């Protein structure tokens, strides 16, 4: 399915869940915040939130450093 992830086209080959997308992208889930079509999706909802064609996903990965 075709998605827009952080403003870039992405072809998702997983089962369509937010959780599968994050796995596919190799995201560190413990340090990730996510919005789907402008709505914040809490981590506890990722496995049951299903994506559809052309959804827009904004993903922020928090990184520590100095």
Protein backbone atom coordinates (compact mmCIF):
# COMPACT_ATOMS: atom_id res chain seq x y z
CA UNK A 1 0.00 0.00 0.00
CA UNK A 2 1.18 3.51 -0.76
CA UNK A 3 1.65 5.81 2.22
CA UNK A 4 3.25 9.18 2.84
CA UNK A 5 5.78 8.94 5.69
CA UNK A 6 7.31 12.21 6.87
CA UNK A 7 6.38 13.83 3.56
CA UNK A 8 7.93 11.09 1.39
CA UNK A 9 6.19 8.29 -0.56
CA UNK A 10 6.57 4.85 1.03
CA UNK A 11 5.36 1.48 -0.22
CA UNK A 12 4.24 -0.50 2.85
CA UNK A 13 4.48 -4.28 2.51
CA UNK A 14 3.35 -5.27 6.01
CA UNK A 15 -0.10 -6.13 7.37
CA UNK A 16 -1.26 -2.51 7.36
CA UNK A 17 -0.99 -1.82 11.07
CA UNK A 18 0.98 1.10 12.49
CA UNK A 19 3.03 -1.43 14.44
CA UNK A 20 3.98 -3.31 11.23
CA UNK A 21 4.97 -0.06 9.53
CA UNK A 22 7.28 0.85 12.42
CA UNK A 23 8.83 -2.63 12.27
CA UNK A 24 9.34 -2.25 8.53
CA UNK A 25 11.02 1.13 9.01
CA UNK A 26 13.25 -0.18 11.81
CA UNK A 27 11.98 2.47 14.24
CA UNK A 28 12.91 2.30 17.91
CA UNK A 29 9.34 2.13 19.21
CA UNK A 30 10.29 3.16 22.73
CA UNK A 31 11.50 6.51 21.38
CA UNK A 32 8.90 7.15 18.68
CA UNK A 33 5.87 9.45 18.55
CA UNK A 34 3.40 9.05 15.72
CA UNK A 35 0.62 10.94 13.98
CA UNK A 36 -1.69 9.46 11.34
CA UNK A 37 -3.60 11.97 9.21
CA UNK A 38 -2.99 14.64 11.84
CA UNK A 39 -4.10 12.54 14.82
CA UNK A 40 -1.69 11.44 17.55
CA UNK A 41 -1.78 7.66 17.94
CA UNK A 42 -0.76 6.43 21.42
CA UNK A 43 1.69 3.50 21.47
CA UNK A 44 -0.90 1.19 23.03
CA UNK A 45 -3.06 1.67 19.89
CA UNK A 46 -0.35 0.89 17.31
CA UNK A 47 -1.14 -2.83 16.89
CA UNK A 48 -4.85 -2.25 16.30
CA UNK A 49 -4.62 0.96 14.23
CA UNK A 50 -4.95 -0.06 10.58
CA UNK A 51 -3.62 2.14 7.80
CA UNK A 52 -5.21 2.67 4.40
CA UNK A 53 -3.90 3.75 1.00
CA UNK A 54 -2.51 7.32 0.92
CA UNK A 55 -2.58 7.85 4.69
CA UNK A 56 -0.11 10.46 5.89
CA UNK A 57 2.14 9.40 8.74
CA UNK A 58 4.40 11.75 10.67
CA UNK A 59 6.96 9.94 12.78
CA UNK A 60 9.30 11.53 15.31
CA UNK A 61 12.13 9.49 16.79
CA UNK A 62 13.66 11.00 19.89
CA UNK A 63 17.44 10.72 20.16
CA UNK A 64 19.50 11.61 23.19
CA UNK A 65 22.77 13.38 22.93
CA UNK A 66 24.78 16.29 24.08
